[in-house]
Amino acid sequence: MLRCTASIVTAARCRGRFQTCHYDPLEDLLALPAAFLQSRPKFKAFTTFDESAMILGIDVGSTHTDAVLVESSEIVGKAKTATDRHDIILSLREVARDLLGRMRPRHLRRIVLSTTLSTNAIVEKKIPEVGMILISGPGLAPSHLSINDNSHFISGYVDHRGMEAAPLDLRQVTQIRNILAEKGISFAGVAGKFSTRNPDQELLVKEQLSGLRHVSLGHRMSGLLNFPRRISTTYLNAAVWEIHYRFADQARTFFNELNLTAPLYILKADGGTFSIESSVDLPAQTILSGPAASIMGIMAATREDKNA
């Protein structure tokens, strides 16, 4: 229940600070612990925007689905049901029937979701195989960058200024595509060392990978230059894409069936939120959505001026 309450708290904070839902946790983290602890007893989640608006928060876990409805800073309803991993709509329907059927929210301002489905899939090793195509150029040896048995290195290089220093050999990409097809791999990630400065080579490789279910690109994961970390994030993004796509699609379908027009958001690992539509392309940002919601729920519910 703390997790879905945290989804509501996050939505409120985003709304109040920036008028959009892109909360940057660094603002608070840089001030921890003293300044933050001093401010916590005075913390009120809903004082900076229309308190008459209702917010619906739902946490879809692998075991249970929890929902809370908040109005005027007060929880006015809550519901809990077992999660059906194969039919998320069924779980949503259960909590909605129990919660919305009794409350009939008048001014639903937004809906915020959090989930541990991707997190648990990784921990339980229930993710599909992913083919990785890496454009590493000179520098670290491939042995330091290979992330799985399906990592492939190709020629080509963009330097630190974003200038193409060596062209791609597209014949290599075709060969890798055929290898992935033989192995039945439908998901791939492409990452270049300096693709954040110039993504053209990543985009060209993606064009050659027709027929795959999904291709994640490294320059979309982060604007930072940490190449090994960007490789890992690209891999995870491709690995959980199918799981998250199915979750997002079922959630949108369900709320459309209820004729709920409130914006639909999902909690990110950094405690911020973004639209469910945006999350489909960047599911890696939701991998720690559930744990982040748990922490934010604890922070919102705890009023002590000292930490552990």
C-alpha atoms as a PDB file:
ATOM      1  CA  MET A   1       0.000   0.000   0.000  1.00  0.00           C
ATOM      2  CA  LEU A   2       2.947   2.355   0.662  1.00  0.00           C
ATOM      3  CA  ARG A   3       4.039   1.921  -2.958  1.00  0.00           C
ATOM      4  CA  CYS A   4       0.774   3.104  -4.506  1.00  0.00           C
ATOM      5  CA  THR A   5       0.545   5.941  -1.959  1.00  0.00           C
ATOM      6  CA  ALA A   6       4.036   6.979  -3.077  1.00  0.00           C
ATOM      7  CA  SER A   7       2.830   7.189  -6.675  1.00  0.00           C
ATOM      8  CA  ILE A   8       0.311   9.799  -5.566  1.00  0.00           C
ATOM      9  CA  VAL A   9       2.856  11.732  -3.497  1.00  0.00           C
ATOM     10  CA  THR A  10       5.244  11.856  -6.462  1.00  0.00           C
ATOM     11  CA  ALA A  11       2.515  13.114  -8.774  1.00  0.00           C
ATOM     12  CA  ALA A  12       1.655  15.852  -6.323  1.00  0.00           C
ATOM     13  CA  ARG A  13       5.248  16.979  -5.943  1.00  0.00           C
ATOM     14  CA  CYS A  14       5.789  17.096  -9.689  1.00  0.00           C
ATOM     15  CA  ARG A  15       2.616  19.072 -10.238  1.00  0.00           C
ATOM     16  CA  GLY A  16       3.410  21.612  -7.581  1.00  0.00           C
ATOM     17  CA  ARG A  17       7.027  22.305  -8.476  1.00  0.00           C
ATOM     18  CA  PHE A  18       7.250  22.427 -12.211  1.00  0.00           C
ATOM     19  CA  GLN A  19       3.733  22.293 -13.643  1.00  0.00           C
ATOM     20  CA  THR A  20       4.925  19.239 -15.561  1.00  0.00           C
ATOM     21  CA  CYS A  21       5.694  15.754 -14.344  1.00  0.00           C
ATOM     22  CA  HIS A  22       9.489  15.600 -14.514  1.00  0.00           C
ATOM     23  CA  TYR A  23      10.741  15.620 -10.925  1.00  0.00           C
ATOM     24  CA  ASP A  24      14.528  15.802 -10.496  1.00  0.00           C
ATOM     25  CA  PRO A  25      15.502  14.053  -7.238  1.00  0.00           C
ATOM     26  CA  LEU A  26      18.980  15.629  -7.264  1.00  0.00           C
ATOM     27  CA  GLU A  27      17.477  18.791  -5.844  1.00  0.00           C
ATOM     28  CA  ASP A  28      16.621  16.927  -2.661  1.00  0.00           C
ATOM     29  CA  LEU A  29      19.515  14.475  -2.651  1.00  0.00           C
ATOM     30  CA  LEU A  30      22.139  17.224  -2.671  1.00  0.00           C
ATOM     31  CA  ALA A  31      20.600  18.672   0.478  1.00  0.00           C
ATOM     32  CA  LEU A  32      20.355  15.400   2.435  1.00  0.00           C
ATOM     33  CA  PRO A  33      20.349  14.649   5.257  1.00  0.00           C
ATOM     34  CA  ALA A  34      20.127  17.764   7.449  1.00  0.00           C
ATOM     35  CA  ALA A  35      18.000  20.129   5.373  1.00  0.00           C
ATOM     36  CA  PHE A  36      15.674  17.393   4.226  1.00  0.00           C
ATOM     37  CA  LEU A  37      15.137  15.994   7.711  1.00  0.00           C
ATOM     38  CA  GLN A  38      14.324  19.469   9.012  1.00  0.00           C
ATOM     39  CA  SER A  39      11.675  19.935   6.343  1.00  0.00           C
ATOM     40  CA  ARG A  40      10.037  16.519   6.658  1.00  0.00           C
ATOM     41  CA  PRO A  41       7.727  17.274   9.627  1.00  0.00           C
ATOM     42  CA  LYS A  42       6.231  20.121   7.593  1.00  0.00           C
ATOM     43  CA  PHE A  43       5.816  18.072   4.417  1.00  0.00           C
ATOM     44  CA  LYS A  44       2.352  18.191   2.863  1.00  0.00           C
ATOM     45  CA  ALA A  45       1.872  16.504  -0.474  1.00  0.00           C
ATOM     46  CA  PHE A  46      -1.166  18.375  -1.761  1.00  0.00           C
ATOM     47  CA  THR A  47      -0.808  21.993  -0.721  1.00  0.00           C
ATOM     48  CA  THR A  48       0.539  23.289  -4.045  1.00  0.00           C
ATOM     49  CA  PHE A  49      -2.295  22.438  -6.399  1.00  0.00           C
ATOM     50  CA  ASP A  50      -6.057  21.949  -6.529  1.00  0.00           C
ATOM     51  CA  GLU A  51      -6.889  19.946  -3.419  1.00  0.00           C
ATOM     52  CA  SER A  52     -10.368  19.113  -4.698  1.00  0.00           C
ATOM     53  CA  ALA A  53      -8.841  16.930  -7.397  1.00  0.00           C
ATOM     54  CA  MET A  54      -8.684  13.188  -6.899  1.00  0.00           C
ATOM     55  CA  ILE A  55      -5.595  11.121  -7.684  1.00  0.00           C
ATOM     56  CA  LEU A  56      -5.656   7.383  -8.217  1.00  0.00           C
ATOM     57  CA  GLY A  57      -2.480   5.451  -7.413  1.00  0.00           C
ATOM     58  CA  ILE A  58      -2.069   1.799  -8.360  1.00  0.00           C
ATOM     59  CA  ASP A  59       0.881  -0.489  -7.695  1.00  0.00           C
ATOM     60  CA  VAL A  60       0.975  -3.655  -9.790  1.00  0.00           C
ATOM     61  CA  GLY A  61       3.263  -6.125  -8.069  1.00  0.00           C
ATOM     62  CA  SER A  62       3.984  -9.694  -8.996  1.00  0.00           C
ATOM     63  CA  THR A  63       1.959 -10.901  -6.001  1.00  0.00           C
ATOM     64  CA  HIS A  64      -0.659  -8.246  -5.315  1.00  0.00           C
ATOM     65  CA  THR A  65      -2.164  -5.179  -6.963  1.00  0.00           C
ATOM     66  CA  ASP A  66      -2.910  -2.304  -4.575  1.00  0.00           C
ATOM     67  CA  ALA A  67      -4.847   0.889  -5.234  1.00  0.00           C
ATOM     68  CA  VAL A  68      -5.578   4.039  -3.253  1.00  0.00           C
ATOM     69  CA  LEU A  69      -7.772   7.035  -4.016  1.00  0.00           C
ATOM     70  CA  VAL A  70      -6.805  10.397  -2.511  1.00  0.00           C
ATOM     71  CA  GLU A  71      -8.874  13.570  -2.235  1.00  0.00           C
ATOM     72  CA  SER A  72      -7.989  16.744  -0.325  1.00  0.00           C
ATOM     73  CA  SER A  73      -4.831  15.159   1.091  1.00  0.00           C
ATOM     74  CA  GLU A  74      -6.770  12.249   2.560  1.00  0.00           C
ATOM     75  CA  ILE A  75      -6.979   8.606   1.499  1.00  0.00           C
ATOM     76  CA  VAL A  76     -10.676   8.107   0.804  1.00  0.00           C
ATOM     77  CA  GLY A  77     -10.495   4.551  -0.491  1.00  0.00           C
ATOM     78  CA  LYS A  78      -8.170   1.591  -0.920  1.00  0.00           C
ATOM     79  CA  ALA A  79      -8.330  -1.848  -2.469  1.00  0.00           C
ATOM     80  CA  LYS A  80      -6.125  -4.938  -2.842  1.00  0.00           C
ATOM     81  CA  THR A  81      -6.260  -8.053  -5.007  1.00  0.00           C
ATOM     82  CA  ALA A  82      -3.996 -10.834  -6.237  1.00  0.00           C
ATOM     83  CA  THR A  83      -2.071 -10.027  -9.427  1.00  0.00           C
ATOM     84  CA  ASP A  84      -2.682 -12.154 -12.497  1.00  0.00           C
ATOM     85  CA  ARG A  85       0.603 -11.832 -14.414  1.00  0.00           C
ATOM     86  CA  HIS A  86      -0.976 -13.178 -17.584  1.00  0.00           C
ATOM     87  CA  ASP A  87      -3.930 -10.787 -17.486  1.00  0.00           C
ATOM     88  CA  ILE A  88      -3.104  -7.446 -15.866  1.00  0.00           C
ATOM     89  CA  ILE A  89      -6.504  -6.099 -16.900  1.00  0.00           C
ATOM     90  CA  LEU A  90      -8.160  -8.680 -14.665  1.00  0.00           C
ATOM     91  CA  SER A  91      -6.190  -7.424 -11.650  1.00  0.00           C
ATOM     92  CA  LEU A  92      -6.930  -3.797 -12.492  1.00  0.00           C
ATOM     93  CA  ARG A  93     -10.599  -4.627 -12.933  1.00  0.00           C
ATOM     94  CA  GLU A  94     -10.731  -6.207  -9.483  1.00  0.00           C
ATOM     95  CA  VAL A  95      -9.287  -3.199  -7.642  1.00  0.00           C
ATOM     96  CA  ALA A  96     -11.271  -0.750  -9.763  1.00  0.00           C
ATOM     97  CA  ARG A  97     -14.541  -2.550  -9.145  1.00  0.00           C
ATOM     98  CA  ASP A  98     -13.863  -2.575  -5.418  1.00  0.00           C
ATOM     99  CA  LEU A  99     -12.601   1.016  -5.258  1.00  0.00           C
ATOM    100  CA  LEU A 100     -14.177   3.094  -8.015  1.00  0.00           C
ATOM    101  CA  GLY A 101     -17.479   1.276  -7.761  1.00  0.00           C
ATOM    102  CA  ARG A 102     -17.916   2.620  -4.235  1.00  0.00           C
ATOM    103  CA  MET A 103     -16.296   6.014  -4.685  1.00  0.00           C
ATOM    104  CA  ARG A 104     -17.221   7.154  -8.199  1.00  0.00           C
ATOM    105  CA  PRO A 105     -14.471   9.825  -8.285  1.00  0.00           C
ATOM    106  CA  ARG A 106     -15.783  13.204  -9.397  1.00  0.00           C
ATOM    107  CA  HIS A 107     -12.615  15.044 -10.315  1.00  0.00           C
ATOM    108  CA  LEU A 108      -9.958  12.458 -11.099  1.00  0.00           C
ATOM    109  CA  ARG A 109      -6.910  14.580 -11.881  1.00  0.00           C
ATOM    110  CA  ARG A 110      -4.411  11.868 -12.772  1.00  0.00           C
ATOM    111  CA  ILE A 111      -3.629   8.174 -12.498  1.00  0.00           C
ATOM    112  CA  VAL A 112      -0.152   7.098 -11.399  1.00  0.00           C
ATOM    113  CA  LEU A 113       1.109   3.521 -11.660  1.00  0.00           C
ATOM    114  CA  SER A 114       4.104   1.722 -10.224  1.00  0.00           C
ATOM    115  CA  THR A 115       5.128  -1.869 -10.864  1.00  0.00           C
ATOM    116  CA  THR A 116       7.700  -4.529 -10.021  1.00  0.00           C
ATOM    117  CA  LEU A 117       6.920  -6.741 -13.021  1.00  0.00           C
ATOM    118  CA  SER A 118      10.141  -5.868 -14.867  1.00  0.00           C
ATOM    119  CA  THR A 119      12.185  -5.969 -11.662  1.00  0.00           C
ATOM    120  CA  ASN A 120      11.018  -9.456 -10.804  1.00  0.00           C
ATOM    121  CA  ALA A 121      11.458 -10.708 -14.359  1.00  0.00           C
ATOM    122  CA  ILE A 122      15.154  -9.747 -14.191  1.00  0.00           C
ATOM    123  CA  VAL A 123      15.684 -11.217 -10.726  1.00  0.00           C
ATOM    124  CA  GLU A 124      13.889 -14.430 -11.675  1.00  0.00           C
ATOM    125  CA  LYS A 125      15.794 -14.579 -15.003  1.00  0.00           C
ATOM    126  CA  LYS A 126      12.577 -14.627 -16.994  1.00  0.00           C
ATOM    127  CA  ILE A 127      13.727 -12.194 -19.654  1.00  0.00           C
ATOM    128  CA  PRO A 128      14.334 -13.069 -23.302  1.00  0.00           C
ATOM    129  CA  GLU A 129      17.748 -13.328 -24.932  1.00  0.00           C
ATOM    130  CA  VAL A 130      19.030 -10.057 -26.358  1.00  0.00           C
ATOM    131  CA  GLY A 131      21.523  -9.590 -29.161  1.00  0.00           C
ATOM    132  CA  MET A 132      23.926  -6.700 -28.549  1.00  0.00           C
ATOM    133  CA  ILE A 133      25.722  -4.872 -31.360  1.00  0.00           C
ATOM    134  CA  LEU A 134      28.502  -2.674 -30.019  1.00  0.00           C
ATOM    135  CA  ILE A 135      30.398   0.031 -31.910  1.00  0.00           C
ATOM    136  CA  SER A 136      33.282   0.427 -29.512  1.00  0.00           C
ATOM    137  CA  GLY A 137      36.118   1.807 -31.621  1.00  0.00           C
ATOM    138  CA  PRO A 138      39.605   2.060 -30.053  1.00  0.00           C
ATOM    139  CA  GLY A 139      40.057   1.904 -26.305  1.00  0.00           C
ATOM    140  CA  LEU A 140      38.804  -0.773 -23.930  1.00  0.00           C
ATOM    141  CA  ALA A 141      39.148  -4.354 -25.093  1.00  0.00           C
ATOM    142  CA  PRO A 142      35.897  -6.096 -26.114  1.00  0.00           C
ATOM    143  CA  SER A 143      36.307  -8.483 -23.181  1.00  0.00           C
ATOM    144  CA  HIS A 144      35.630  -5.559 -20.845  1.00  0.00           C
ATOM    145  CA  LEU A 145      32.481  -4.524 -22.706  1.00  0.00           C
ATOM    146  CA  SER A 146      30.794  -7.799 -23.637  1.00  0.00           C
ATOM    147  CA  ILE A 147      27.603  -8.161 -21.610  1.00  0.00           C
ATOM    148  CA  ASN A 148      26.350 -11.593 -22.700  1.00  0.00           C
ATOM    149  CA  ASP A 149      27.054 -14.473 -25.062  1.00  0.00           C
ATOM    150  CA  ASN A 150      25.232 -12.629 -27.851  1.00  0.00           C
ATOM    151  CA  SER A 151      27.428  -9.512 -27.843  1.00  0.00           C
ATOM    152  CA  HIS A 152      28.853  -8.634 -31.260  1.00  0.00           C
ATOM    153  CA  PHE A 153      31.433  -5.957 -32.099  1.00  0.00           C
ATOM    154  CA  ILE A 154      31.473  -4.222 -35.468  1.00  0.00           C
ATOM    155  CA  SER A 155      33.812  -1.799 -37.177  1.00  0.00           C
ATOM    156  CA  GLY A 156      33.028   1.887 -37.280  1.00  0.00           C
ATOM    157  CA  TYR A 157      33.699   4.715 -34.877  1.00  0.00           C
ATOM    158  CA  VAL A 158      32.490   8.169 -33.881  1.00  0.00           C
ATOM    159  CA  ASP A 159      35.064  10.231 -32.004  1.00  0.00           C
ATOM    160  CA  HIS A 160      34.546  12.359 -28.901  1.00  0.00           C
ATOM    161  CA  ARG A 161      33.596  15.374 -31.037  1.00  0.00           C
ATOM    162  CA  GLY A 162      30.803  13.468 -32.739  1.00  0.00           C
ATOM    163  CA  MET A 163      32.675  13.180 -36.028  1.00  0.00           C
ATOM    164  CA  GLU A 164      32.677   9.852 -37.886  1.00  0.00           C
ATOM    165  CA  ALA A 165      36.255   8.584 -37.693  1.00  0.00           C
ATOM    166  CA  ALA A 166      35.572   5.203 -39.355  1.00  0.00           C
ATOM    167  CA  PRO A 167      32.534   4.074 -41.372  1.00  0.00           C
ATOM    168  CA  LEU A 168      30.360   1.063 -40.584  1.00  0.00           C
ATOM    169  CA  ASP A 169      30.672  -2.191 -42.476  1.00  0.00           C
ATOM    170  CA  LEU A 170      27.003  -3.011 -43.031  1.00  0.00           C
ATOM    171  CA  ARG A 171      27.905  -6.520 -44.179  1.00  0.00           C
ATOM    172  CA  GLN A 172      28.828  -7.266 -40.569  1.00  0.00           C
ATOM    173  CA  VAL A 173      25.398  -6.071 -39.431  1.00  0.00           C
ATOM    174  CA  THR A 174      23.714  -8.342 -41.976  1.00  0.00           C
ATOM    175  CA  GLN A 175      25.731 -11.318 -40.736  1.00  0.00           C
ATOM    176  CA  ILE A 176      24.784 -10.574 -37.120  1.00  0.00           C
ATOM    177  CA  ARG A 177      21.116 -10.216 -38.075  1.00  0.00           C
ATOM    178  CA  ASN A 178      21.237 -13.676 -39.655  1.00  0.00           C
ATOM    179  CA  ILE A 179      22.916 -15.146 -36.549  1.00  0.00           C
ATOM    180  CA  LEU A 180      20.208 -13.676 -34.311  1.00  0.00           C
ATOM    181  CA  ALA A 181      17.501 -15.035 -36.609  1.00  0.00           C
ATOM    182  CA  GLU A 182      19.029 -18.530 -36.471  1.00  0.00           C
ATOM    183  CA  LYS A 183      18.984 -18.378 -32.665  1.00  0.00           C
ATOM    184  CA  GLY A 184      15.413 -17.118 -32.585  1.00  0.00           C
ATOM    185  CA  ILE A 185      16.400 -13.848 -30.906  1.00  0.00           C
ATOM    186  CA  SER A 186      13.837 -11.088 -31.489  1.00  0.00           C
ATOM    187  CA  PHE A 187      15.293  -8.312 -29.334  1.00  0.00           C
ATOM    188  CA  ALA A 188      18.499  -6.356 -29.798  1.00  0.00           C
ATOM    189  CA  GLY A 189      20.428  -3.398 -28.448  1.00  0.00           C
ATOM    190  CA  VAL A 190      22.835  -1.135 -30.321  1.00  0.00           C
ATOM    191  CA  ALA A 191      25.363   1.040 -28.488  1.00  0.00           C
ATOM    192  CA  GLY A 192      28.203   3.205 -29.772  1.00  0.00           C
ATOM    193  CA  LYS A 193      30.874   4.723 -27.536  1.00  0.00           C
ATOM    194  CA  PHE A 194      30.210   8.344 -28.500  1.00  0.00           C
ATOM    195  CA  SER A 195      26.716   7.932 -29.907  1.00  0.00           C
ATOM    196  CA  THR A 196      25.481  10.581 -27.474  1.00  0.00           C
ATOM    197  CA  ARG A 197      27.487  13.066 -29.538  1.00  0.00           C
ATOM    198  CA  ASN A 198      26.318  11.644 -32.873  1.00  0.00           C
ATOM    199  CA  PRO A 199      23.757   8.806 -33.072  1.00  0.00           C
ATOM    200  CA  ASP A 200      23.897   8.331 -36.866  1.00  0.00           C
ATOM    201  CA  GLN A 201      25.754   5.014 -36.766  1.00  0.00           C
ATOM    202  CA  GLU A 202      23.356   3.523 -34.211  1.00  0.00           C
ATOM    203  CA  LEU A 203      20.401   4.635 -36.307  1.00  0.00           C
ATOM    204  CA  LEU A 204      21.933   3.118 -39.448  1.00  0.00           C
ATOM    205  CA  VAL A 205      22.475  -0.215 -37.717  1.00  0.00           C
ATOM    206  CA  LYS A 206      18.856  -0.232 -36.553  1.00  0.00           C
ATOM    207  CA  GLU A 207      17.677   0.252 -40.139  1.00  0.00           C
ATOM    208  CA  GLN A 208      19.489  -2.977 -41.061  1.00  0.00           C
ATOM    209  CA  LEU A 209      17.809  -4.989 -38.290  1.00  0.00           C
ATOM    210  CA  SER A 210      14.401  -5.269 -39.887  1.00  0.00           C
ATOM    211  CA  GLY A 211      12.309  -8.174 -38.694  1.00  0.00           C
ATOM    212  CA  LEU A 212      13.259  -7.923 -35.025  1.00  0.00           C
ATOM    213  CA  ARG A 213      10.559  -7.326 -32.444  1.00  0.00           C
ATOM    214  CA  HIS A 214      12.415  -4.417 -30.819  1.00  0.00           C
ATOM    215  CA  VAL A 215      15.777  -2.643 -31.034  1.00  0.00           C
ATOM    216  CA  SER A 216      16.972  -0.396 -28.195  1.00  0.00           C
ATOM    217  CA  LEU A 217      19.492   2.349 -28.965  1.00  0.00           C
ATOM    218  CA  GLY A 218      22.185   3.456 -26.520  1.00  0.00           C
ATOM    219  CA  HIS A 219      21.947   7.175 -27.211  1.00  0.00           C
ATOM    220  CA  ARG A 220      18.285   7.077 -26.126  1.00  0.00           C
ATOM    221  CA  MET A 221      19.180   5.654 -22.714  1.00  0.00           C
ATOM    222  CA  SER A 222      21.316   8.514 -21.447  1.00  0.00           C
ATOM    223  CA  GLY A 223      23.152  11.627 -22.555  1.00  0.00           C
ATOM    224  CA  LEU A 224      26.161  10.694 -20.429  1.00  0.00           C
ATOM    225  CA  LEU A 225      29.381   9.245 -21.827  1.00  0.00           C
ATOM    226  CA  ASN A 226      29.675   6.234 -19.498  1.00  0.00           C
ATOM    227  CA  PHE A 227      29.871   3.633 -22.277  1.00  0.00           C
ATOM    228  CA  PRO A 228      29.888   0.439 -20.142  1.00  0.00           C
ATOM    229  CA  ARG A 229      26.877   1.632 -18.158  1.00  0.00           C
ATOM    230  CA  ARG A 230      25.065   2.673 -21.327  1.00  0.00           C
ATOM    231  CA  ILE A 231      25.649  -0.820 -22.737  1.00  0.00           C
ATOM    232  CA  SER A 232      24.082  -2.373 -19.635  1.00  0.00           C
ATOM    233  CA  THR A 233      21.109  -0.012 -19.719  1.00  0.00           C
ATOM    234  CA  THR A 234      20.546  -0.670 -23.416  1.00  0.00           C
ATOM    235  CA  TYR A 235      20.619  -4.409 -22.782  1.00  0.00           C
ATOM    236  CA  LEU A 236      18.107  -4.177 -19.923  1.00  0.00           C
ATOM    237  CA  ASN A 237      15.863  -1.861 -21.922  1.00  0.00           C
ATOM    238  CA  ALA A 238      15.618  -4.427 -24.705  1.00  0.00           C
ATOM    239  CA  ALA A 239      15.257  -7.317 -22.251  1.00  0.00           C
ATOM    240  CA  VAL A 240      12.209  -5.908 -20.441  1.00  0.00           C
ATOM    241  CA  TRP A 241      10.623  -4.184 -23.426  1.00  0.00           C
ATOM    242  CA  GLU A 242       8.084  -6.934 -24.172  1.00  0.00           C
ATOM    243  CA  ILE A 243       7.058  -7.254 -20.519  1.00  0.00           C
ATOM    244  CA  HIS A 244       6.556  -3.533 -20.086  1.00  0.00           C
ATOM    245  CA  TYR A 245       4.876  -3.065 -23.461  1.00  0.00           C
ATOM    246  CA  ARG A 246       2.272  -5.662 -22.541  1.00  0.00           C
ATOM    247  CA  PHE A 247       1.721  -4.039 -19.137  1.00  0.00           C
ATOM    248  CA  ALA A 248       1.385  -0.535 -20.604  1.00  0.00           C
ATOM    249  CA  ASP A 249      -0.920  -1.683 -23.388  1.00  0.00           C
ATOM    250  CA  GLN A 250      -3.232  -3.517 -20.992  1.00  0.00           C
ATOM    251  CA  ALA A 251      -3.299  -0.576 -18.579  1.00  0.00           C
ATOM    252  CA  ARG A 252      -4.222   1.896 -21.324  1.00  0.00           C
ATOM    253  CA  THR A 253      -6.880  -0.455 -22.676  1.00  0.00           C
ATOM    254  CA  PHE A 254      -8.423  -0.886 -19.242  1.00  0.00           C
ATOM    255  CA  PHE A 255      -8.687   2.805 -18.387  1.00  0.00           C
ATOM    256  CA  ASN A 256     -10.063   3.569 -21.852  1.00  0.00           C
ATOM    257  CA  GLU A 257     -12.790   0.987 -21.229  1.00  0.00           C
ATOM    258  CA  LEU A 258     -13.707   2.861 -18.040  1.00  0.00           C
ATOM    259  CA  ASN A 259     -13.864   6.124 -20.021  1.00  0.00           C
ATOM    260  CA  LEU A 260     -11.357   7.673 -17.628  1.00  0.00           C
ATOM    261  CA  THR A 261      -9.701  10.589 -19.421  1.00  0.00           C
ATOM    262  CA  ALA A 262      -7.245  11.545 -16.666  1.00  0.00           C
ATOM    263  CA  PRO A 263      -3.560  11.464 -17.728  1.00  0.00           C
ATOM    264  CA  LEU A 264      -1.838   8.147 -17.059  1.00  0.00           C
ATOM    265  CA  TYR A 265       1.683   8.176 -15.615  1.00  0.00           C
ATOM    266  CA  ILE A 266       4.158   5.629 -14.290  1.00  0.00           C
ATOM    267  CA  LEU A 267       6.743   6.018 -11.553  1.00  0.00           C
ATOM    268  CA  LYS A 268      10.407   5.947 -12.588  1.00  0.00           C
ATOM    269  CA  ALA A 269      13.329   4.528 -10.647  1.00  0.00           C
ATOM    270  CA  ASP A 270      14.492   8.037  -9.676  1.00  0.00           C
ATOM    271  CA  GLY A 271      11.166   8.889  -8.027  1.00  0.00           C
ATOM    272  CA  GLY A 272       9.867  11.013 -10.893  1.00  0.00           C
ATOM    273  CA  THR A 273       7.089  10.130 -13.295  1.00  0.00           C
ATOM    274  CA  PHE A 274       6.559  10.161 -17.025  1.00  0.00           C
ATOM    275  CA  SER A 275       3.670   9.334 -19.314  1.00  0.00           C
ATOM    276  CA  ILE A 276       2.788   5.719 -19.989  1.00  0.00           C
ATOM    277  CA  GLU A 277       3.282   6.422 -23.704  1.00  0.00           C
ATOM    278  CA  SER A 278       6.863   7.593 -23.163  1.00  0.00           C
ATOM    279  CA  SER A 279       7.626   4.609 -20.959  1.00  0.00           C
ATOM    280  CA  VAL A 280       7.012   2.157 -23.808  1.00  0.00           C
ATOM    281  CA  ASP A 281      10.245   3.212 -25.540  1.00  0.00           C
ATOM    282  CA  LEU A 282      12.253   3.535 -22.309  1.00  0.00           C
ATOM    283  CA  PRO A 283      11.115   0.717 -20.019  1.00  0.00           C
ATOM    284  CA  ALA A 284      14.542   0.562 -18.352  1.00  0.00           C
ATOM    285  CA  GLN A 285      13.545   3.698 -16.451  1.00  0.00           C
ATOM    286  CA  THR A 286      10.745   1.730 -14.784  1.00  0.00           C
ATOM    287  CA  ILE A 287      12.793  -1.312 -13.725  1.00  0.00           C
ATOM    288  CA  LEU A 288      13.077  -0.054 -10.133  1.00  0.00           C
ATOM    289  CA  SER A 289       9.669   1.640 -10.167  1.00  0.00           C
ATOM    290  CA  GLY A 290       8.286  -0.566  -7.401  1.00  0.00           C
ATOM    291  CA  PRO A 291      11.268  -0.239  -5.023  1.00  0.00           C
ATOM    292  CA  ALA A 292      11.353   3.533  -5.610  1.00  0.00           C
ATOM    293  CA  ALA A 293       7.662   3.723  -4.728  1.00  0.00           C
ATOM    294  CA  SER A 294       8.301   1.772  -1.523  1.00  0.00           C
ATOM    295  CA  ILE A 295      10.997   4.243  -0.414  1.00  0.00           C
ATOM    296  CA  MET A 296       8.901   7.279  -1.271  1.00  0.00           C
ATOM    297  CA  GLY A 297       5.923   5.786   0.534  1.00  0.00           C
ATOM    298  CA  ILE A 298       8.020   5.318   3.665  1.00  0.00           C
ATOM    299  CA  MET A 299       9.363   8.863   3.408  1.00  0.00           C
ATOM    300  CA  ALA A 300       5.868  10.296   3.049  1.00  0.00           C
ATOM    301  CA  ALA A 301       4.414   8.240   5.890  1.00  0.00           C
ATOM    302  CA  THR A 302       7.256   8.780   8.375  1.00  0.00           C
ATOM    303  CA  ARG A 303       7.242  11.946  10.440  1.00  0.00           C
ATOM    304  CA  GLU A 304      10.328  11.439  12.621  1.00  0.00           C
ATOM    305  CA  ASP A 305      13.117  14.014  12.332  1.00  0.00           C
ATOM    306  CA  LYS A 306      15.826  11.339  12.483  1.00  0.00           C
ATOM    307  CA  ASN A 307      16.728   8.547  10.109  1.00  0.00           C
ATOM    308  CA  ALA A 308      17.952   5.061  10.997  1.00  0.00           C
END
